[in-house]
C-alpha atoms as a PDB file:
ATOM      1  CA  MET A   1    -238.341   3.235  18.670  1.00  0.00           C
ATOM      2  CA  THR A   2    -241.445   1.148  20.182  1.00  0.00           C
ATOM      3  CA  SER A   3    -244.553   2.624  21.075  1.00  0.00           C
ATOM      4  CA  ASN A   4    -244.235   2.547  24.785  1.00  0.00           C
ATOM      5  CA  SER A   5    -240.830   3.685  26.063  1.00  0.00           C
ATOM      6  CA  GLY A   6    -241.832   2.950  29.731  1.00  0.00           C
ATOM      7  CA  TRP A   7    -242.143  -0.770  29.313  1.00  0.00           C
ATOM      8  CA  GLY A   8    -239.262  -2.747  30.600  1.00  0.00           C
ATOM      9  CA  GLU A   9    -238.157  -6.116  32.348  1.00  0.00           C
ATOM     10  CA  LYS A  10    -241.214  -6.163  34.755  1.00  0.00           C
ATOM     11  CA  THR A  11    -243.862  -5.596  32.137  1.00  0.00           C
ATOM     12  CA  SER A  12    -246.631  -8.047  31.908  1.00  0.00           C
ATOM     13  CA  GLY A  13    -247.403  -9.882  28.667  1.00  0.00           C
ATOM     14  CA  LEU A  14    -250.991  -9.574  29.545  1.00  0.00           C
ATOM     15  CA  GLU A  15    -250.713  -5.814  29.792  1.00  0.00           C
ATOM     16  CA  VAL A  16    -249.066  -5.702  26.322  1.00  0.00           C
ATOM     17  CA  ALA A  17    -251.765  -8.033  24.860  1.00  0.00           C
ATOM     18  CA  LYS A  18    -254.555  -5.638  26.354  1.00  0.00           C
ATOM     19  CA  THR A  19    -252.856  -2.501  24.940  1.00  0.00           C
ATOM     20  CA  TYR A  20    -252.669  -3.992  21.438  1.00  0.00           C
ATOM     21  CA  ALA A  21    -255.880  -5.833  21.617  1.00  0.00           C
ATOM     22  CA  GLN A  22    -257.109  -4.740  18.185  1.00  0.00           C
ATOM     23  CA  HIS A  23    -253.966  -6.294  16.675  1.00  0.00           C
ATOM     24  CA  ILE A  24    -254.888  -9.683  18.173  1.00  0.00           C
ATOM     25  CA  GLU A  25    -258.691  -9.848  17.984  1.00  0.00           C
ATOM     26  CA  GLY A  26    -259.836 -11.995  14.843  1.00  0.00           C
ATOM     27  CA  ARG A  27    -256.125 -12.980  13.920  1.00  0.00           C
ATOM     28  CA  ASN A  28    -254.590 -16.391  13.695  1.00  0.00           C
ATOM     29  CA  VAL A  29    -251.662 -16.983  15.885  1.00  0.00           C
ATOM     30  CA  LEU A  30    -249.261 -19.996  16.177  1.00  0.00           C
ATOM     31  CA  ILE A  31    -246.816 -20.464  19.014  1.00  0.00           C
ATOM     32  CA  THR A  32    -244.159 -23.241  19.291  1.00  0.00           C
ATOM     33  CA  GLY A  33    -242.441 -24.675  22.233  1.00  0.00           C
ATOM     34  CA  VAL A  34    -245.604 -24.368  24.494  1.00  0.00           C
ATOM     35  CA  ALA A  35    -245.205 -26.282  27.860  1.00  0.00           C
ATOM     36  CA  PRO A  36    -246.491 -25.508  31.298  1.00  0.00           C
ATOM     37  CA  ASP A  37    -244.541 -23.060  33.457  1.00  0.00           C
ATOM     38  CA  GLY A  38    -242.535 -21.793  30.288  1.00  0.00           C
ATOM     39  CA  VAL A  39    -242.509 -18.769  28.358  1.00  0.00           C
ATOM     40  CA  GLY A  40    -244.656 -20.404  25.750  1.00  0.00           C
ATOM     41  CA  GLU A  41    -247.325 -20.792  28.160  1.00  0.00           C
ATOM     42  CA  GLY A  42    -247.060 -17.122  29.216  1.00  0.00           C
ATOM     43  CA  THR A  43    -247.107 -16.096  25.465  1.00  0.00           C
ATOM     44  CA  ALA A  44    -250.263 -18.234  24.745  1.00  0.00           C
ATOM     45  CA  ILE A  45    -252.148 -16.959  27.618  1.00  0.00           C
ATOM     46  CA  ALA A  46    -251.474 -13.437  26.760  1.00  0.00           C
ATOM     47  CA  PHE A  47    -252.546 -13.738  23.130  1.00  0.00           C
ATOM     48  CA  ALA A  48    -255.573 -15.750  24.448  1.00  0.00           C
ATOM     49  CA  SER A  49    -256.675 -13.000  26.492  1.00  0.00           C
ATOM     50  CA  GLN A  50    -257.774 -10.788  23.449  1.00  0.00           C
ATOM     51  CA  ASN A  51    -259.784 -13.097  21.341  1.00  0.00           C
ATOM     52  CA  PRO A  52    -257.638 -14.261  18.507  1.00  0.00           C
ATOM     53  CA  ALA A  53    -259.629 -16.049  15.785  1.00  0.00           C
ATOM     54  CA  ILE A  54    -257.531 -19.318  16.267  1.00  0.00           C
ATOM     55  CA  LEU A  55    -254.742 -19.880  18.611  1.00  0.00           C
ATOM     56  CA  ILE A  56    -252.576 -22.796  17.658  1.00  0.00           C
ATOM     57  CA  LEU A  57    -250.174 -24.303  20.090  1.00  0.00           C
ATOM     58  CA  ALA A  58    -247.405 -26.468  18.936  1.00  0.00           C
ATOM     59  CA  SER A  59    -244.883 -28.570  20.955  1.00  0.00           C
ATOM     60  CA  ARG A  60    -243.400 -31.973  21.341  1.00  0.00           C
ATOM     61  CA  THR A  61    -245.356 -33.463  24.153  1.00  0.00           C
ATOM     62  CA  LYS A  62    -249.139 -33.915  23.809  1.00  0.00           C
ATOM     63  CA  GLN A  63    -249.770 -34.129  27.295  1.00  0.00           C
ATOM     64  CA  LYS A  64    -248.111 -30.867  28.049  1.00  0.00           C
ATOM     65  CA  LEU A  65    -249.954 -29.127  25.077  1.00  0.00           C
ATOM     66  CA  ASP A  66    -253.196 -30.344  26.343  1.00  0.00           C
ATOM     67  CA  THR A  67    -252.451 -29.058  29.923  1.00  0.00           C
ATOM     68  CA  VAL A  68    -251.723 -25.561  28.450  1.00  0.00           C
ATOM     69  CA  ALA A  69    -254.673 -25.685  26.147  1.00  0.00           C
ATOM     70  CA  GLU A  70    -256.904 -26.468  29.079  1.00  0.00           C
ATOM     71  CA  SER A  71    -255.692 -23.676  31.057  1.00  0.00           C
ATOM     72  CA  VAL A  72    -256.303 -21.237  28.257  1.00  0.00           C
ATOM     73  CA  ARG A  73    -259.851 -22.613  27.838  1.00  0.00           C
ATOM     74  CA  GLU A  74    -260.549 -22.272  31.606  1.00  0.00           C
ATOM     75  CA  SER A  75    -258.999 -18.685  31.761  1.00  0.00           C
ATOM     76  CA  TYR A  76    -260.683 -17.518  28.501  1.00  0.00           C
ATOM     77  CA  PRO A  77    -263.823 -19.703  27.610  1.00  0.00           C
ATOM     78  CA  GLY A  78    -264.757 -19.503  24.022  1.00  0.00           C
ATOM     79  CA  ILE A  79    -261.211 -19.171  22.579  1.00  0.00           C
ATOM     80  CA  ASP A  80    -260.643 -21.467  19.653  1.00  0.00           C
ATOM     81  CA  VAL A  81    -257.329 -23.061  20.792  1.00  0.00           C
ATOM     82  CA  ARG A  82    -255.892 -26.134  18.852  1.00  0.00           C
ATOM     83  CA  VAL A  83    -252.927 -28.240  19.504  1.00  0.00           C
ATOM     84  CA  VAL A  84    -250.512 -29.671  17.124  1.00  0.00           C
ATOM     85  CA  THR A  85    -247.564 -31.985  18.128  1.00  0.00           C
ATOM     86  CA  ILE A  86    -244.193 -31.207  16.547  1.00  0.00           C
ATOM     87  CA  ASP A  87    -240.693 -32.378  17.202  1.00  0.00           C
ATOM     88  CA  LEU A  88    -238.248 -29.808  15.898  1.00  0.00           C
ATOM     89  CA  ALA A  89    -235.487 -32.357  15.981  1.00  0.00           C
ATOM     90  CA  SER A  90    -237.266 -34.425  13.280  1.00  0.00           C
ATOM     91  CA  GLN A  91    -237.870 -32.960   9.914  1.00  0.00           C
ATOM     92  CA  ALA A  92    -240.460 -35.586   9.280  1.00  0.00           C
ATOM     93  CA  SER A  93    -242.371 -34.532  12.225  1.00  0.00           C
ATOM     94  CA  ILE A  94    -242.087 -30.771  11.293  1.00  0.00           C
ATOM     95  CA  ARG A  95    -243.439 -31.606   7.689  1.00  0.00           C
ATOM     96  CA  ASP A  96    -246.392 -33.467   9.241  1.00  0.00           C
ATOM     97  CA  ALA A  97    -247.064 -30.645  11.752  1.00  0.00           C
ATOM     98  CA  ALA A  98    -247.018 -28.077   8.984  1.00  0.00           C
ATOM     99  CA  SER A  99    -249.445 -30.063   6.802  1.00  0.00           C
ATOM    100  CA  GLU A 100    -251.819 -30.391   9.794  1.00  0.00           C
ATOM    101  CA  VAL A 101    -251.686 -26.586  10.406  1.00  0.00           C
ATOM    102  CA  SER A 102    -252.353 -25.989   6.807  1.00  0.00           C
ATOM    103  CA  GLY A 103    -255.556 -28.048   7.039  1.00  0.00           C
ATOM    104  CA  MET A 104    -256.626 -25.826   9.945  1.00  0.00           C
ATOM    105  CA  ILE A 105    -256.252 -22.359   8.656  1.00  0.00           C
ATOM    106  CA  SER A 106    -255.847 -20.531   5.367  1.00  0.00           C
ATOM    107  CA  ARG A 107    -253.783 -17.487   6.674  1.00  0.00           C
ATOM    108  CA  LEU A 108    -251.330 -17.288   9.408  1.00  0.00           C
ATOM    109  CA  ASP A 109    -250.903 -13.728  10.927  1.00  0.00           C
ATOM    110  CA  ILE A 110    -248.330 -14.175  13.652  1.00  0.00           C
ATOM    111  CA  LEU A 111    -245.819 -17.000  13.970  1.00  0.00           C
ATOM    112  CA  VAL A 112    -243.885 -17.153  17.148  1.00  0.00           C
ATOM    113  CA  ASN A 113    -240.884 -19.553  16.875  1.00  0.00           C
ATOM    114  CA  ASN A 114    -240.589 -19.764  20.575  1.00  0.00           C
ATOM    115  CA  ALA A 115    -239.346 -23.413  21.146  1.00  0.00           C
ATOM    116  CA  GLY A 116    -235.707 -23.773  22.335  1.00  0.00           C
ATOM    117  CA  ALA A 117    -233.530 -26.474  23.856  1.00  0.00           C
ATOM    118  CA  THR A 118    -230.434 -26.400  25.706  1.00  0.00           C
ATOM    119  CA  TYR A 119    -228.226 -29.466  26.580  1.00  0.00           C
ATOM    120  CA  ASN A 120    -225.179 -30.260  28.674  1.00  0.00           C
ATOM    121  CA  SER A 121    -224.091 -33.330  26.641  1.00  0.00           C
ATOM    122  CA  ARG A 122    -224.323 -34.108  22.691  1.00  0.00           C
ATOM    123  CA  HIS A 123    -227.462 -35.049  21.291  1.00  0.00           C
ATOM    124  CA  TRP A 124    -228.311 -35.339  17.539  1.00  0.00           C
ATOM    125  CA  THR A 125    -231.451 -34.652  15.498  1.00  0.00           C
ATOM    126  CA  ALA A 126    -233.256 -37.462  13.445  1.00  0.00           C
ATOM    127  CA  GLU A 127    -231.121 -36.127  10.571  1.00  0.00           C
ATOM    128  CA  GLY A 128    -227.727 -36.278  12.436  1.00  0.00           C
ATOM    129  CA  ILE A 129    -227.512 -32.481  13.181  1.00  0.00           C
ATOM    130  CA  GLU A 130    -226.198 -31.287  16.408  1.00  0.00           C
ATOM    131  CA  MET A 131    -229.451 -30.883  18.496  1.00  0.00           C
ATOM    132  CA  GLN A 132    -229.184 -27.296  19.444  1.00  0.00           C
ATOM    133  CA  PHE A 133    -228.274 -26.017  16.105  1.00  0.00           C
ATOM    134  CA  GLY A 134    -230.848 -28.517  14.632  1.00  0.00           C
ATOM    135  CA  ALA A 135    -233.839 -28.082  16.979  1.00  0.00           C
ATOM    136  CA  ASN A 136    -233.218 -24.247  17.756  1.00  0.00           C
ATOM    137  CA  HIS A 137    -232.449 -23.135  14.159  1.00  0.00           C
ATOM    138  CA  ILE A 138    -232.819 -25.643  11.417  1.00  0.00           C
ATOM    139  CA  GLY A 139    -236.215 -26.994  12.842  1.00  0.00           C
ATOM    140  CA  PRO A 140    -237.740 -23.374  13.046  1.00  0.00           C
ATOM    141  CA  PHE A 141    -236.259 -22.484   9.642  1.00  0.00           C
ATOM    142  CA  LEU A 142    -238.076 -25.529   7.907  1.00  0.00           C
ATOM    143  CA  PHE A 143    -241.342 -24.793   9.865  1.00  0.00           C
ATOM    144  CA  THR A 144    -241.209 -21.194   8.721  1.00  0.00           C
ATOM    145  CA  ARG A 145    -240.671 -22.351   5.190  1.00  0.00           C
ATOM    146  CA  LEU A 146    -243.553 -24.693   5.034  1.00  0.00           C
ATOM    147  CA  LEU A 147    -245.882 -22.131   6.672  1.00  0.00           C
ATOM    148  CA  PHE A 148    -244.666 -19.341   4.434  1.00  0.00           C
ATOM    149  CA  PRO A 149    -247.587 -19.576   1.890  1.00  0.00           C
ATOM    150  CA  LEU A 150    -250.050 -18.992   5.066  1.00  0.00           C
ATOM    151  CA  LEU A 151    -248.022 -15.933   6.151  1.00  0.00           C
ATOM    152  CA  SER A 152    -248.003 -14.582   2.573  1.00  0.00           C
ATOM    153  CA  GLU A 153    -251.787 -14.908   2.299  1.00  0.00           C
ATOM    154  CA  ALA A 154    -252.154 -13.051   5.659  1.00  0.00           C
ATOM    155  CA  ALA A 155    -249.785 -10.297   4.439  1.00  0.00           C
ATOM    156  CA  LYS A 156    -252.127  -9.734   1.317  1.00  0.00           C
ATOM    157  CA  GLN A 157    -254.959  -9.001   3.678  1.00  0.00           C
ATOM    158  CA  SER A 158    -253.306  -6.835   6.318  1.00  0.00           C
ATOM    159  CA  PRO A 159    -251.529  -3.467   6.726  1.00  0.00           C
ATOM    160  CA  PRO A 160    -247.772  -3.624   5.560  1.00  0.00           C
ATOM    161  CA  GLY A 161    -245.635  -5.086   8.454  1.00  0.00           C
ATOM    162  CA  ALA A 162    -248.516  -6.405  10.583  1.00  0.00           C
ATOM    163  CA  THR A 163    -247.817 -10.089   9.565  1.00  0.00           C
ATOM    164  CA  ARG A 164    -244.842 -10.981  11.932  1.00  0.00           C
ATOM    165  CA  ILE A 165    -242.502 -13.749  12.289  1.00  0.00           C
ATOM    166  CA  ILE A 166    -240.979 -13.657  15.742  1.00  0.00           C
ATOM    167  CA  ASN A 167    -237.746 -15.792  16.644  1.00  0.00           C
ATOM    168  CA  LEU A 168    -236.731 -16.227  20.267  1.00  0.00           C
ATOM    169  CA  SER A 169    -233.079 -15.729  20.775  1.00  0.00           C
ATOM    170  CA  SER A 170    -230.929 -14.920  23.792  1.00  0.00           C
ATOM    171  CA  HIS A 171    -228.191 -12.618  25.017  1.00  0.00           C
ATOM    172  CA  GLY A 172    -226.073 -15.744  25.045  1.00  0.00           C
ATOM    173  CA  HIS A 173    -225.565 -15.384  21.245  1.00  0.00           C
ATOM    174  CA  ARG A 174    -222.682 -13.089  22.190  1.00  0.00           C
ATOM    175  CA  LEU A 175    -220.513 -16.086  23.036  1.00  0.00           C
ATOM    176  CA  SER A 176    -220.151 -17.558  19.512  1.00  0.00           C
ATOM    177  CA  THR A 177    -220.753 -16.681  15.911  1.00  0.00           C
ATOM    178  CA  ILE A 178    -221.779 -19.462  13.324  1.00  0.00           C
ATOM    179  CA  ARG A 179    -219.078 -22.223  13.189  1.00  0.00           C
ATOM    180  CA  PHE A 180    -219.425 -22.810   9.385  1.00  0.00           C
ATOM    181  CA  HIS A 181    -216.616 -25.170   9.615  1.00  0.00           C
ATOM    182  CA  ASP A 182    -217.784 -27.084  12.568  1.00  0.00           C
ATOM    183  CA  TYR A 183    -221.556 -26.361  12.926  1.00  0.00           C
ATOM    184  CA  ASN A 184    -221.980 -29.856  14.600  1.00  0.00           C
ATOM    185  CA  ILE A 185    -219.458 -28.824  17.336  1.00  0.00           C
ATOM    186  CA  GLU A 186    -217.117 -31.561  16.944  1.00  0.00           C
ATOM    187  CA  ASN A 187    -214.264 -29.489  18.052  1.00  0.00           C
ATOM    188  CA  LYS A 188    -212.789 -29.336  14.373  1.00  0.00           C
ATOM    189  CA  GLU A 189    -210.249 -26.588  13.618  1.00  0.00           C
ATOM    190  CA  VAL A 190    -211.912 -23.426  12.638  1.00  0.00           C
ATOM    191  CA  PRO A 191    -210.791 -20.206  11.365  1.00  0.00           C
ATOM    192  CA  GLN A 192    -210.157 -17.358  13.903  1.00  0.00           C
ATOM    193  CA  GLY A 193    -213.339 -15.594  13.332  1.00  0.00           C
ATOM    194  CA  GLU A 194    -215.365 -18.665  14.257  1.00  0.00           C
ATOM    195  CA  LYS A 195    -213.556 -19.588  17.457  1.00  0.00           C
ATOM    196  CA  PRO A 196    -215.253 -19.017  20.803  1.00  0.00           C
ATOM    197  CA  PHE A 197    -214.994 -15.480  22.516  1.00  0.00           C
ATOM    198  CA  SER A 198    -212.222 -15.424  25.176  1.00  0.00           C
ATOM    199  CA  PRO A 199    -211.861 -15.457  28.044  1.00  0.00           C
ATOM    200  CA  LEU A 200    -215.050 -17.338  28.902  1.00  0.00           C
ATOM    201  CA  PRO A 201    -216.019 -18.445  32.354  1.00  0.00           C
ATOM    202  CA  SER A 202    -214.681 -21.898  32.969  1.00  0.00           C
ATOM    203  CA  THR A 203    -218.205 -23.384  33.150  1.00  0.00           C
ATOM    204  CA  PHE A 204    -219.146 -21.760  29.814  1.00  0.00           C
ATOM    205  CA  ALA A 205    -215.900 -22.910  28.147  1.00  0.00           C
ATOM    206  CA  ARG A 206    -216.408 -26.567  29.131  1.00  0.00           C
ATOM    207  CA  VAL A 207    -215.352 -29.139  26.515  1.00  0.00           C
ATOM    208  CA  GLN A 208    -216.817 -32.728  26.934  1.00  0.00           C
ATOM    209  CA  ASP A 209    -214.788 -35.694  26.314  1.00  0.00           C
ATOM    210  CA  ASP A 210    -216.183 -36.131  22.928  1.00  0.00           C
ATOM    211  CA  GLY A 211    -215.157 -32.545  21.973  1.00  0.00           C
ATOM    212  CA  TYR A 212    -218.750 -31.173  22.496  1.00  0.00           C
ATOM    213  CA  MET A 213    -218.809 -27.533  23.855  1.00  0.00           C
ATOM    214  CA  PRO A 214    -222.435 -27.126  25.076  1.00  0.00           C
ATOM    215  CA  THR A 215    -222.503 -23.446  25.747  1.00  0.00           C
ATOM    216  CA  ILE A 216    -220.935 -22.742  22.300  1.00  0.00           C
ATOM    217  CA  ALA A 217    -223.527 -24.870  20.769  1.00  0.00           C
ATOM    218  CA  TYR A 218    -226.200 -22.969  22.373  1.00  0.00           C
ATOM    219  CA  ALA A 219    -224.823 -19.714  21.697  1.00  0.00           C
ATOM    220  CA  GLN A 220    -224.248 -20.636  18.075  1.00  0.00           C
ATOM    221  CA  SER A 221    -227.957 -21.532  17.586  1.00  0.00           C
ATOM    222  CA  LYS A 222    -229.125 -18.364  19.191  1.00  0.00           C
ATOM    223  CA  THR A 223    -226.833 -16.213  16.889  1.00  0.00           C
ATOM    224  CA  ALA A 224    -228.597 -18.338  13.926  1.00  0.00           C
ATOM    225  CA  ASN A 225    -231.845 -17.009  15.199  1.00  0.00           C
ATOM    226  CA  ILE A 226    -230.918 -13.540  14.719  1.00  0.00           C
ATOM    227  CA  LEU A 227    -229.187 -14.016  11.283  1.00  0.00           C
ATOM    228  CA  PHE A 228    -232.310 -15.851  10.336  1.00  0.00           C
ATOM    229  CA  THR A 229    -234.336 -12.821  11.350  1.00  0.00           C
ATOM    230  CA  LEU A 230    -232.145 -10.416   9.507  1.00  0.00           C
ATOM    231  CA  TYR A 231    -232.345 -12.142   6.211  1.00  0.00           C
ATOM    232  CA  LEU A 232    -236.149 -12.334   6.702  1.00  0.00           C
ATOM    233  CA  GLN A 233    -236.405  -8.767   7.546  1.00  0.00           C
ATOM    234  CA  GLU A 234    -234.133  -7.713   4.534  1.00  0.00           C
ATOM    235  CA  HIS A 235    -236.227  -9.753   2.097  1.00  0.00           C
ATOM    236  CA  LEU A 236    -239.716  -9.648   3.291  1.00  0.00           C
ATOM    237  CA  GLN A 237    -240.487  -6.054   3.981  1.00  0.00           C
ATOM    238  CA  LYS A 238    -241.721  -5.469   0.383  1.00  0.00           C
ATOM    239  CA  LYS A 239    -244.130  -8.391   1.055  1.00  0.00           C
ATOM    240  CA  GLY A 240    -245.531  -6.734   3.957  1.00  0.00           C
ATOM    241  CA  ILE A 241    -244.052  -9.168   6.535  1.00  0.00           C
ATOM    242  CA  MET A 242    -241.892  -8.221   9.525  1.00  0.00           C
ATOM    243  CA  SER A 243    -239.592 -10.234  11.573  1.00  0.00           C
ATOM    244  CA  TYR A 244    -237.716  -9.694  14.917  1.00  0.00           C
ATOM    245  CA  ALA A 245    -235.706 -11.617  17.192  1.00  0.00           C
ATOM    246  CA  VAL A 246    -236.228 -11.364  20.961  1.00  0.00           C
ATOM    247  CA  HIS A 247    -234.343 -11.946  24.155  1.00  0.00           C
ATOM    248  CA  PRO A 248    -237.108 -12.899  26.829  1.00  0.00           C
ATOM    249  CA  GLY A 249    -234.818 -12.390  29.599  1.00  0.00           C
ATOM    250  CA  GLY A 250    -234.049 -14.558  32.462  1.00  0.00           C
ATOM    251  CA  VAL A 251    -236.948 -16.538  32.969  1.00  0.00           C
ATOM    252  CA  SER A 252    -237.656 -19.198  35.770  1.00  0.00           C
ATOM    253  CA  SER A 253    -238.536 -22.041  33.745  1.00  0.00           C
ATOM    254  CA  ASN A 254    -237.623 -25.588  32.866  1.00  0.00           C
ATOM    255  CA  LEU A 255    -235.575 -24.757  29.893  1.00  0.00           C
ATOM    256  CA  GLY A 256    -232.201 -25.648  31.611  1.00  0.00           C
ATOM    257  CA  ARG A 257    -233.487 -29.014  33.231  1.00  0.00           C
ATOM    258  CA  ASP A 258    -230.464 -30.750  31.470  1.00  0.00           C
ATOM    259  CA  HIS A 259    -227.878 -28.965  33.340  1.00  0.00           C
ATOM    260  CA  ASP A 260    -225.687 -30.051  36.079  1.00  0.00           C
ATOM    261  CA  GLU A 261    -225.464 -27.988  39.268  1.00  0.00           C
ATOM    262  CA  GLU A 262    -222.365 -26.189  38.161  1.00  0.00           C
ATOM    263  CA  MET A 263    -223.814 -25.022  34.809  1.00  0.00           C
ATOM    264  CA  ALA A 264    -227.033 -24.116  36.681  1.00  0.00           C
ATOM    265  CA  ASP A 265    -225.237 -22.053  39.057  1.00  0.00           C
ATOM    266  CA  ALA A 266    -223.308 -20.066  36.300  1.00  0.00           C
ATOM    267  CA  ILE A 267    -226.507 -19.464  34.343  1.00  0.00           C
ATOM    268  CA  ALA A 268    -228.141 -18.115  37.450  1.00  0.00           C
ATOM    269  CA  LYS A 269    -225.519 -15.553  37.799  1.00  0.00           C
ATOM    270  CA  THR A 270    -226.152 -14.119  34.297  1.00  0.00           C
ATOM    271  CA  SER A 271    -229.323 -12.211  35.325  1.00  0.00           C
ATOM    272  CA  LYS A 272    -229.933  -9.916  38.182  1.00  0.00           C
ATOM    273  CA  PHE A 273    -233.791 -10.095  37.731  1.00  0.00           C
ATOM    274  CA  TRP A 274    -235.691 -13.476  37.077  1.00  0.00           C
ATOM    275  CA  LYS A 275    -238.973 -13.075  35.405  1.00  0.00           C
ATOM    276  CA  ASN A 276    -242.172 -15.129  35.742  1.00  0.00           C
ATOM    277  CA  VAL A 277    -243.544 -16.555  32.402  1.00  0.00           C
ATOM    278  CA  ASP A 278    -246.034 -13.632  31.972  1.00  0.00           C
ATOM    279  CA  GLN A 279    -243.125 -11.119  32.271  1.00  0.00           C
ATOM    280  CA  GLY A 280    -241.119 -13.427  29.999  1.00  0.00           C
ATOM    281  CA  ALA A 281    -243.716 -13.193  27.336  1.00  0.00           C
ATOM    282  CA  SER A 282    -243.900  -9.497  27.188  1.00  0.00           C
ATOM    283  CA  THR A 283    -241.052  -8.831  24.770  1.00  0.00           C
ATOM    284  CA  THR A 284    -242.590 -11.299  22.275  1.00  0.00           C
ATOM    285  CA  LEU A 285    -245.734  -9.659  22.401  1.00  0.00           C
ATOM    286  CA  VAL A 286    -244.244  -6.145  21.691  1.00  0.00           C
ATOM    287  CA  ALA A 287    -242.397  -7.700  18.740  1.00  0.00           C
ATOM    288  CA  ALA A 288    -245.435  -9.338  17.390  1.00  0.00           C
ATOM    289  CA  LEU A 289    -247.857  -6.633  17.940  1.00  0.00           C
ATOM    290  CA  ASP A 290    -246.557  -3.118  18.185  1.00  0.00           C
ATOM    291  CA  PRO A 291    -247.658  -1.063  15.019  1.00  0.00           C
ATOM    292  CA  ALA A 292    -244.600   1.078  15.509  1.00  0.00           C
ATOM    293  CA  LEU A 293    -242.654  -1.936  14.299  1.00  0.00           C
ATOM    294  CA  ASN A 294    -244.543  -2.394  11.137  1.00  0.00           C
ATOM    295  CA  THR A 295    -241.422  -0.863   9.637  1.00  0.00           C
ATOM    296  CA  PRO A 296    -238.017  -1.849  11.083  1.00  0.00           C
ATOM    297  CA  GLY A 297    -236.130   0.337  13.660  1.00  0.00           C
ATOM    298  CA  GLY A 298    -233.978  -2.445  14.732  1.00  0.00           C
ATOM    299  CA  LEU A 299    -233.445  -6.178  14.630  1.00  0.00           C
ATOM    300  CA  TYR A 300    -233.479  -7.409  18.163  1.00  0.00           C
ATOM    301  CA  LEU A 301    -235.520  -6.715  21.325  1.00  0.00           C
ATOM    302  CA  ALA A 302    -234.999  -7.153  25.036  1.00  0.00           C
ATOM    303  CA  ASP A 303    -237.229  -6.018  28.013  1.00  0.00           C
ATOM    304  CA  CYS A 304    -239.778  -4.623  25.524  1.00  0.00           C
ATOM    305  CA  GLN A 305    -237.369  -2.257  23.628  1.00  0.00           C
ATOM    306  CA  TYR A 306    -234.896  -2.386  20.735  1.00  0.00           C
ATOM    307  CA  PHE A 307    -231.595  -3.743  22.016  1.00  0.00           C
ATOM    308  CA  PRO A 308    -228.277  -3.940  20.271  1.00  0.00           C
ATOM    309  CA  SER A 309    -227.162  -7.441  19.230  1.00  0.00           C
ATOM    310  CA  ALA A 310    -223.664  -8.387  18.479  1.00  0.00           C
ATOM    311  CA  ASP A 311    -222.012  -6.885  15.309  1.00  0.00           C
ATOM    312  CA  TYR A 312    -221.689 -10.345  13.626  1.00  0.00           C
ATOM    313  CA  THR A 313    -225.557 -10.730  13.759  1.00  0.00           C
ATOM    314  CA  LYS A 314    -225.925  -7.781  11.485  1.00  0.00           C
ATOM    315  CA  GLU A 315    -223.775  -8.875   8.561  1.00  0.00           C
ATOM    316  CA  LEU A 316    -226.110  -9.720   5.648  1.00  0.00           C
ATOM    317  CA  ASP A 317    -223.404 -11.758   3.910  1.00  0.00           C
ATOM    318  CA  VAL A 318    -223.064 -14.147   6.914  1.00  0.00           C
ATOM    319  CA  ALA A 319    -226.932 -14.411   7.084  1.00  0.00           C
ATOM    320  CA  GLU A 320    -226.969 -15.326   3.426  1.00  0.00           C
ATOM    321  CA  ARG A 321    -224.369 -17.909   3.992  1.00  0.00           C
ATOM    322  CA  LEU A 322    -226.373 -19.461   6.983  1.00  0.00           C
ATOM    323  CA  TRP A 323    -229.453 -19.438   4.798  1.00  0.00           C
ATOM    324  CA  HIS A 324    -227.897 -21.337   2.050  1.00  0.00           C
ATOM    325  CA  LEU A 325    -226.365 -23.844   4.743  1.00  0.00           C
ATOM    326  CA  SER A 326    -229.858 -24.243   6.232  1.00  0.00           C
ATOM    327  CA  GLU A 327    -231.423 -24.967   2.763  1.00  0.00           C
ATOM    328  CA  ASP A 328    -228.808 -27.657   2.201  1.00  0.00           C
ATOM    329  CA  LEU A 329    -229.690 -29.326   5.590  1.00  0.00           C
ATOM    330  CA  ILE A 330    -233.426 -29.384   4.930  1.00  0.00           C
ATOM    331  CA  GLY A 331    -232.818 -30.472   1.364  1.00  0.00           C
ATOM    332  CA  GLU A 332    -235.054 -27.719  -0.373  1.00  0.00           C
ATOM    333  CA  LYS A 333    -234.871 -24.094  -1.153  1.00  0.00           C
ATOM    334  CA  PHE A 334    -236.670 -21.419   0.882  1.00  0.00           C
ATOM    335  CA  ILE A 335    -237.425 -18.789  -1.805  1.00  0.00           C
ATOM    336  CA  LEU A 336    -238.935 -15.603  -0.456  1.00  0.00           C
ATOM    337  CA  GLU A 337    -239.463 -13.631  -3.641  1.00  0.00           C
END
């Protein structure tokens, strides 16, 4: 279990950071998907509050990054905060960003793969991968692969399990497993075990004219985040690196800006309590910092506690299959040994 069983959906990220201040001070932290009024901003401000050595903020839009960085500097003068532009829908951009990060630091103590996208219509990455699977899973997979030497270096100098890789997922993962026979969501025939769960609310079961199923695409990508975490957790514990997947909760942010009114209304009904961005950051902070999590007691957290994920996210053979597919899609191996 976590160290503080009293924390929950209303817990502040700043409170978590203050509680675990000694696990932030002097350490290097990188957060992706940082933009104003989003969970990434709440996460950045919480980490900044406790004197990290270097805080790196990474996202696609330089102007938004600069806005958050300036907010951090105004709130916590003296913090060494740096920005790196990265487009997780472009593997060339990811490689450039990783190279830039490697020029800034020699070790990375905490990587928060916070970035996420959700779309109501079909989009493709630069490599021709369905956008939600590509940007939400394949992009972070490649970025983590490229930053792995920095994480390994941090682990050599830290207590076992204190070096962390945190992957943001969602309870929405429960709507779909990995469609290995149709990961680009082109409505191809798939085996029974890869079909969407039914019955789904009509809005979530929507199929666009081109065969695209936006909710299923999102759910698949969030399942991938957990399976990625499972594989990392299984193979990295002996190297002193831990990984967790988190559900930030229903957070009032700009994540669903592409949705139409019907979809927005359906999503609004999925949570009884909508968090602000500080509250939305708290579970990430627990997953990244709680010393009780140096050894795994679970895989997935929500509202600052361990939370059960779908059974199919705990199948190591499926995680391994996804790992190999991901390697194929980035064109290189990701070897952890």
